[in-house]
Protein backbone atom coordinates (compact mmCIF):
# COMPACT_ATOMS: atom_id res chain seq x y z
CA MET A 1 -0.08 -0.14 0.01
CA ALA A 2 1.27 3.29 -1.00
CA THR A 3 2.40 5.75 2.01
CA LEU A 4 0.78 9.41 1.52
CA ARG A 5 2.86 12.41 2.60
CA CYS A 6 1.19 15.65 3.17
CA THR A 7 3.08 19.06 2.61
CA THR A 8 1.84 22.39 2.43
CA THR A 9 4.24 24.71 0.44
CA ALA A 10 4.53 28.57 1.67
CA HIS A 11 2.88 29.57 -1.59
CA HIS A 12 -0.34 27.52 -1.16
CA SER A 13 -0.60 28.13 2.48
CA LEU A 14 -0.90 31.85 1.66
CA LEU A 15 -3.69 31.03 -0.70
CA GLY A 16 -5.40 28.74 1.86
CA SER A 17 -5.37 25.76 -0.53
CA PRO A 18 -2.94 23.12 0.82
CA THR A 19 -2.06 20.07 -1.44
CA CYS A 20 -1.10 16.69 -0.81
CA VAL A 21 1.91 15.11 -2.52
CA GLY A 22 2.76 11.40 -2.68
CA ARG A 23 2.66 8.33 -4.62
CA PRO A 24 0.08 7.53 -6.07
CA ARG A 25 -1.14 11.45 -5.87
CA ARG A 26 -4.59 11.96 -4.46
CA ARG A 27 -6.34 14.48 -2.35
CA CYS A 28 -5.46 14.67 1.60
CA PRO A 29 -8.41 13.86 3.57
CA ALA A 30 -10.79 16.84 4.01
CA VAL A 31 -10.07 16.64 7.80
CA VAL A 32 -6.60 17.36 6.91
CA ARG A 33 -7.33 20.25 4.79
CA ALA A 34 -9.79 21.67 7.31
CA ALA A 35 -7.10 21.39 10.21
CA VAL A 36 -4.37 23.34 7.88
CA ALA A 37 -6.93 26.19 7.14
CA VAL A 38 -8.03 26.36 10.92
CA GLN A 39 -4.30 26.77 11.83
CA ALA A 40 -3.76 29.27 9.10
CA GLU A 41 -6.50 31.47 10.44
CA ALA A 42 -5.48 31.25 13.95
CA GLN A 43 -2.07 33.04 13.23
CA PRO A 44 -2.51 36.73 14.61
CA LYS A 45 -2.62 39.35 11.97
CA VAL A 46 -0.05 42.10 12.08
CA SER A 47 -1.60 45.74 12.54
CA LEU A 48 -0.57 48.18 9.51
CA ILE A 49 -1.10 51.12 11.90
CA ARG A 50 -0.89 51.29 15.52
CA ILE A 51 -2.46 54.30 17.03
CA GLY A 52 -1.52 55.67 20.26
CA THR A 53 -3.90 57.48 22.35
CA ARG A 54 -4.71 58.48 26.18
CA GLY A 55 -7.50 56.27 27.80
CA SER A 56 -10.20 58.88 28.66
CA PRO A 57 -13.48 58.08 26.74
CA LEU A 58 -13.03 61.40 24.87
CA ALA A 59 -9.44 60.25 23.75
CA LEU A 60 -10.89 56.92 22.63
CA ALA A 61 -13.74 58.50 20.85
CA GLN A 62 -11.20 60.62 18.59
CA ALA A 63 -9.02 57.52 18.23
CA HIS A 64 -11.90 55.77 16.96
CA GLU A 65 -12.89 58.48 14.49
CA THR A 66 -9.45 58.46 13.23
CA ARG A 67 -9.48 54.76 12.63
CA GLU A 68 -12.76 55.12 10.76
CA LYS A 69 -11.53 57.79 8.68
CA LEU A 70 -8.40 55.65 7.75
CA LYS A 71 -10.52 52.72 7.09
CA ALA A 72 -12.78 54.66 4.75
CA ALA A 73 -9.80 56.22 2.90
CA HIS A 74 -7.79 53.01 2.40
CA THR A 75 -9.16 49.81 1.66
CA GLU A 76 -5.92 47.70 2.92
CA LEU A 77 -6.81 49.52 6.30
CA ALA A 78 -10.52 48.46 6.44
CA GLU A 79 -9.88 44.92 7.41
CA ASP A 80 -10.18 43.84 11.03
CA GLY A 81 -7.14 44.35 13.05
CA ALA A 82 -5.31 46.55 10.37
CA VAL A 83 -5.60 49.39 12.61
CA GLU A 84 -4.95 48.97 16.19
CA ILE A 85 -5.49 51.30 19.10
CA ILE A 86 -3.03 51.40 21.89
CA ILE A 87 -3.92 53.00 25.34
CA ILE A 88 -1.05 55.08 27.05
CA LYS A 89 -1.49 56.63 30.33
CA THR A 90 -0.07 59.98 30.76
CA THR A 91 1.41 61.82 33.80
CA GLY A 92 -1.65 64.33 33.51
CA ASP A 93 -4.16 61.24 33.62
CA MET A 94 -2.70 60.01 36.86
CA ILE A 95 -2.35 63.36 38.78
CA LEU A 96 -5.87 64.59 39.19
CA ASP A 97 -5.94 66.24 42.56
CA LYS A 98 -3.70 69.49 41.64
CA PRO A 99 -3.83 72.28 38.92
CA LEU A 100 -2.14 71.47 35.54
CA ALA A 101 0.17 74.60 36.16
CA ASP A 102 1.43 73.21 39.31
CA ILE A 103 2.40 69.65 37.70
CA GLY A 104 4.09 70.92 34.62
CA GLY A 105 1.61 72.08 32.15
CA LYS A 106 0.17 70.85 28.86
CA GLY A 107 2.90 68.49 27.96
CA LEU A 108 1.76 65.98 30.76
CA PHE A 109 -0.73 64.81 28.40
CA THR A 110 1.17 64.26 25.39
CA LYS A 111 4.87 63.39 26.49
CA GLU A 112 4.42 59.44 27.29
CA ILE A 113 2.71 59.33 23.85
CA ASP A 114 5.54 61.16 22.07
CA ASP A 115 7.93 58.75 23.72
CA ALA A 116 6.11 55.78 22.29
CA LEU A 117 6.05 57.23 19.01
CA LEU A 118 9.74 57.86 19.05
CA GLN A 119 10.48 54.49 20.42
CA GLY A 120 8.51 52.76 17.42
CA ARG A 121 5.95 51.24 19.94
CA ILE A 122 2.91 53.04 17.94
CA ASP A 123 2.96 54.45 14.51
CA ILE A 124 0.69 57.39 14.89
CA ALA A 125 -0.41 59.60 17.84
CA VAL A 126 -3.87 61.07 18.05
CA HIS A 127 -4.20 64.38 20.29
CA SER A 128 -6.38 66.98 21.30
CA MET A 129 -4.79 69.96 19.79
CA LYS A 130 -5.15 72.47 22.72
CA ASP A 131 -3.19 69.89 24.75
CA VAL A 132 -0.17 69.91 22.46
CA PRO A 133 2.76 72.09 23.20
CA THR A 134 3.72 74.86 20.72
CA TYR A 135 6.79 72.84 20.37
CA LEU A 136 6.89 69.14 19.01
CA PRO A 137 9.66 66.76 20.08
CA GLU A 138 12.57 66.30 17.60
CA GLY A 139 11.89 63.48 15.39
CA THR A 140 8.06 64.03 15.19
CA ILE A 141 5.79 65.92 12.93
CA LEU A 142 2.00 66.79 13.02
CA PRO A 143 0.84 66.83 9.39
CA CYS A 144 -2.76 66.34 9.94
CA ASN A 145 -5.70 67.84 11.53
CA LEU A 146 -9.15 66.25 11.24
CA PRO A 147 -12.18 68.78 10.60
CA ARG A 148 -12.74 71.07 13.42
CA GLU A 149 -15.74 70.67 15.72
CA ASP A 150 -17.52 73.30 17.19
CA VAL A 151 -15.32 75.75 19.21
CA ARG A 152 -17.83 76.84 21.76
CA ASP A 153 -18.05 75.98 25.43
CA ALA A 154 -21.05 74.42 27.03
CA PHE A 155 -22.49 75.78 30.37
CA ILE A 156 -23.85 73.01 32.57
CA CYS A 157 -26.03 73.62 35.32
CA LEU A 158 -28.77 72.30 37.57
CA ASN A 159 -30.59 75.51 38.49
CA ALA A 160 -29.57 78.22 36.05
CA LYS A 161 -29.56 78.73 32.36
CA THR A 162 -26.63 80.98 31.71
CA LEU A 163 -23.50 82.38 33.89
CA ALA A 164 -25.45 85.47 34.18
CA GLU A 165 -28.22 83.90 36.08
CA LEU A 166 -26.07 82.42 38.86
CA PRO A 167 -26.53 84.13 42.26
CA ALA A 168 -23.52 85.95 43.92
CA GLY A 169 -21.26 83.53 45.55
CA SER A 170 -21.99 80.58 43.28
CA VAL A 171 -19.23 78.18 42.77
CA VAL A 172 -18.01 77.34 39.19
CA GLY A 173 -15.78 74.30 38.76
CA SER A 174 -13.21 74.31 35.96
CA ALA A 175 -9.50 73.49 35.62
CA SER A 176 -8.96 76.14 32.81
CA LEU A 177 -7.35 79.55 33.76
CA ARG A 178 -8.94 80.60 30.21
CA ARG A 179 -12.23 80.07 31.31
CA GLN A 180 -11.73 81.19 34.97
CA SER A 181 -10.27 84.55 33.85
CA GLN A 182 -13.20 85.30 31.44
CA ILE A 183 -15.63 84.37 34.15
CA LEU A 184 -14.34 86.72 36.75
CA TYR A 185 -13.79 89.42 34.24
CA LYS A 186 -17.72 89.50 33.41
CA TYR A 187 -18.95 87.87 36.82
CA PRO A 188 -16.72 89.09 39.72
CA SER A 189 -19.16 87.84 42.28
CA LEU A 190 -18.65 84.24 41.38
CA LYS A 191 -16.20 81.80 42.54
CA VAL A 192 -14.26 79.53 40.40
CA VAL A 193 -12.33 76.42 41.82
CA ASN A 194 -10.14 73.80 40.23
CA PHE A 195 -12.23 71.05 38.78
CA ARG A 196 -10.33 68.46 36.98
CA GLY A 197 -11.45 65.00 35.45
CA ASN A 198 -12.79 63.55 32.56
CA VAL A 199 -16.07 64.70 31.31
CA GLN A 200 -18.15 62.13 33.01
CA THR A 201 -16.06 62.60 36.15
CA ARG A 202 -16.78 66.29 36.12
CA LEU A 203 -20.70 65.77 35.54
CA ARG A 204 -20.77 63.34 38.35
CA LYS A 205 -19.16 65.94 40.69
CA LEU A 206 -21.62 68.52 39.38
CA LYS A 207 -24.63 66.43 40.29
CA GLU A 208 -23.14 65.37 43.50
CA GLY A 209 -23.08 69.34 44.58
CA ASP A 210 -19.25 69.92 44.40
CA VAL A 211 -19.93 72.75 42.47
CA HIS A 212 -23.02 74.86 41.13
CA ALA A 213 -22.10 74.80 37.54
CA THR A 214 -19.20 73.77 35.14
CA LEU A 215 -18.03 74.64 31.45
CA LEU A 216 -17.03 71.97 29.19
CA ALA A 217 -15.88 72.10 25.40
CA LEU A 218 -19.01 71.60 23.25
CA ALA A 219 -16.80 69.64 20.71
CA GLY A 220 -16.00 66.89 23.50
CA LEU A 221 -19.79 66.65 24.35
CA LYS A 222 -20.57 66.11 20.72
CA ARG A 223 -18.00 63.46 19.97
CA LEU A 224 -19.08 61.55 23.05
CA ASN A 225 -22.65 62.00 21.87
CA MET A 226 -23.42 63.99 25.08
CA ALA A 227 -24.43 67.44 23.80
CA GLU A 228 -27.91 67.18 25.47
CA THR A 229 -26.22 67.66 28.84
CA ALA A 230 -25.34 71.27 27.96
CA THR A 231 -27.59 73.53 29.76
CA SER A 232 -26.71 76.41 27.04
CA VAL A 233 -24.00 77.04 24.64
CA LEU A 234 -21.81 80.09 25.12
CA SER A 235 -20.95 82.28 22.17
CA VAL A 236 -17.45 83.26 21.33
CA ASP A 237 -18.11 86.57 22.38
CA GLU A 238 -19.13 85.32 25.77
CA MET A 239 -16.27 83.08 26.24
CA LEU A 240 -13.34 82.97 23.53
CA PRO A 241 -12.25 79.45 23.04
CA ALA A 242 -8.72 77.68 23.79
CA VAL A 243 -6.15 77.93 21.09
CA ALA A 244 -7.12 75.09 18.74
CA GLN A 245 -10.34 73.78 20.65
CA GLY A 246 -12.21 71.41 18.96
CA ALA A 247 -9.38 70.10 16.63
CA ILE A 248 -7.78 66.72 16.55
CA GLY A 249 -4.12 66.62 15.35
CA ILE A 250 -2.45 63.41 14.30
CA ALA A 251 1.40 63.01 14.58
CA CYS A 252 4.02 60.71 13.21
CA ARG A 253 7.52 60.06 12.94
CA THR A 254 9.44 62.72 10.47
CA ASN A 255 10.92 59.70 8.74
CA ASP A 256 7.95 57.77 8.05
CA ASP A 257 6.94 58.41 4.58
CA LYS A 258 4.34 55.70 4.42
CA MET A 259 2.36 57.22 7.86
CA MET A 260 2.79 60.80 6.25
CA ASP A 261 0.93 59.43 3.18
CA TYR A 262 -1.88 58.18 5.21
CA LEU A 263 -2.35 61.23 7.25
CA SER A 264 -2.27 63.31 4.38
CA SER A 265 -5.25 61.99 2.83
CA LEU A 266 -7.13 62.75 5.97
CA ASN A 267 -5.80 66.34 6.55
CA HIS A 268 -8.54 69.16 6.54
CA GLU A 269 -6.50 72.01 5.34
CA ASP A 270 -9.12 75.00 6.77
CA THR A 271 -8.60 73.45 10.08
CA ARG A 272 -4.76 73.06 9.97
CA LEU A 273 -4.40 76.76 8.86
CA ALA A 274 -6.59 77.75 11.52
CA VAL A 275 -4.71 75.94 14.40
CA ALA A 276 -1.47 77.17 12.87
CA CYS A 277 -2.47 80.78 13.22
CA GLU A 278 -3.85 80.21 16.95
CA ARG A 279 -0.58 78.21 17.69
CA GLU A 280 1.55 80.94 16.44
CA PHE A 281 -0.25 83.54 18.68
CA LEU A 282 0.18 81.35 21.69
CA SER A 283 3.86 80.52 20.80
CA VAL A 284 4.72 84.47 20.72
CA LEU A 285 3.34 85.00 24.25
CA ASP A 286 4.93 81.73 25.35
CA GLY A 287 1.94 80.59 26.62
CA ASN A 288 1.60 77.74 29.49
CA CYS A 289 -0.85 76.41 31.72
CA ARG A 290 -0.16 79.73 34.07
CA THR A 291 -1.22 82.12 31.40
CA PRO A 292 -4.75 82.74 30.64
CA ILE A 293 -4.87 82.74 26.97
CA ALA A 294 -7.72 82.34 24.26
CA ALA A 295 -7.82 82.67 20.39
CA TYR A 296 -9.98 81.98 17.55
CA ALA A 297 -9.19 81.95 13.69
CA TYR A 298 -11.86 80.96 11.19
CA ARG A 299 -12.66 81.60 7.63
CA ASP A 300 -15.49 84.70 7.45
CA LYS A 301 -18.26 84.73 4.95
CA ASP A 302 -15.87 86.39 2.41
CA GLY A 303 -13.44 83.61 2.48
CA ASN A 304 -10.86 85.50 4.33
CA CYS A 305 -9.41 84.88 7.99
CA SER A 306 -10.81 86.55 10.93
CA PHE A 307 -8.95 86.38 14.22
CA ARG A 308 -9.47 87.05 17.81
CA GLY A 309 -7.16 86.78 20.57
CA LEU A 310 -7.03 87.51 24.46
CA LEU A 311 -4.61 87.52 27.25
CA ALA A 312 -5.76 88.00 30.82
CA SER A 313 -4.49 87.65 34.29
CA PRO A 314 -6.01 84.58 36.21
CA ASP A 315 -8.40 86.59 38.44
CA GLY A 316 -9.78 88.46 35.42
CA SER A 317 -8.72 91.94 36.66
CA ILE A 318 -6.65 92.61 33.43
CA VAL A 319 -7.99 91.51 29.95
CA TYR A 320 -6.19 92.36 26.73
CA GLU A 321 -7.95 91.64 23.53
CA THR A 322 -7.11 92.10 19.75
CA SER A 323 -8.40 91.15 16.38
CA ARG A 324 -7.04 90.62 12.97
CA SER A 325 -8.11 89.75 9.27
CA GLY A 326 -6.23 88.71 6.26
CA THR A 327 -6.13 86.16 3.56
CA TYR A 328 -6.77 82.61 4.23
CA THR A 329 -3.28 81.29 3.40
CA PHE A 330 -0.85 79.69 5.51
CA ASP A 331 2.02 82.19 5.61
CA ASP A 332 -0.52 85.19 6.09
CA MET A 333 -2.09 83.49 8.87
CA VAL A 334 0.88 82.38 10.61
CA ALA A 335 2.18 86.09 10.31
CA LEU A 336 -1.10 87.27 11.44
CA GLY A 337 -1.12 85.19 14.50
CA GLN A 338 2.49 86.20 15.14
CA ASP A 339 1.47 89.95 15.11
CA ALA A 340 -1.46 89.72 17.28
CA GLY A 341 0.85 87.83 19.86
CA TYR A 342 3.43 90.64 19.69
CA GLU A 343 0.78 93.36 20.11
CA LEU A 344 -0.83 91.78 23.42
CA LYS A 345 2.89 91.06 24.56
CA SER A 346 3.72 94.75 24.28
CA LYS A 347 0.51 96.02 25.76
CA ALA A 348 0.82 93.67 28.77
CA GLY A 349 4.51 94.50 29.30
CA PRO A 350 7.32 92.02 31.01
CA GLY A 351 5.78 92.41 34.51
CA PHE A 352 2.68 91.00 33.47
CA PHE A 353 4.43 87.66 32.59
CA ASP A 354 6.65 87.66 35.67
CA GLY A 355 3.67 87.65 38.00
CA LEU A 356 2.43 84.76 36.32
CA GLN A 357 5.56 82.43 37.21
């Protein structure tokens, strides 16, 4: 009786069609074919893109949005497992009982993710642009901004519809000096206290009575499908937004052309230019978490860039404002933001910044 010898060549295993070789030649039993097929399917797929992100519900929503856009734009990324999301805990996520200014500022939400990117543990990093320092670590680049969400702030309160309706002495919870300064400038009878944590944590604290009201970025609520929790929405005239509020940025390594190509397909140029303008304004003012700074650049009805900027003292006793307009082009918008920053820096004088250190 002839002995059968079953083999599977590398070429055939890739095709998922094992063959049997022997004398006389005949097909292998079905059970053997099935076993080989199961073995091939069990081999783990290697992700084509690894996305690094913080682990908060909002950060994960932004990472999932990025993944869906990548899958929609590139067929090879549409397969299950092609794009992997990797959660990275940052220092800012771990220290929640102190104001950001007391523990090092905005880089606390990005440093560990940047390190993972540079070390090759992830391929791209998804950030809330308002958390990204004006400098990027050497070896990284941020070539992509997704379309910007609503830049306005949401007012959330259980017994008042607006900030103006809050009784004197009411406590507003906010970790943002930008919000604190603008609230106290317009409503000096209110009290603002440090109020950190993710969206869900802050809403829980509000319901438990820790504060009377709080403000959150409307963009975050929308991305979490929680916009209905807003009591009202503040106009940009009432509360000028943070630099790059509502914008998602995606970074990669400077020498990774493949990731650059993927990200360039997602970039929303209007958002990228607006963010560049606002960040130039911030950079000139050397803004950190001890400096209340707000800015908003957008395309107006005539297609030009309109810009507003604000610099204030934390207690709201001093507020400097400026506005600009120009063509909606990268060079002009960066120059516009820079010029606005120098104007407010000159108005404030060096003593203003010394007092914030």
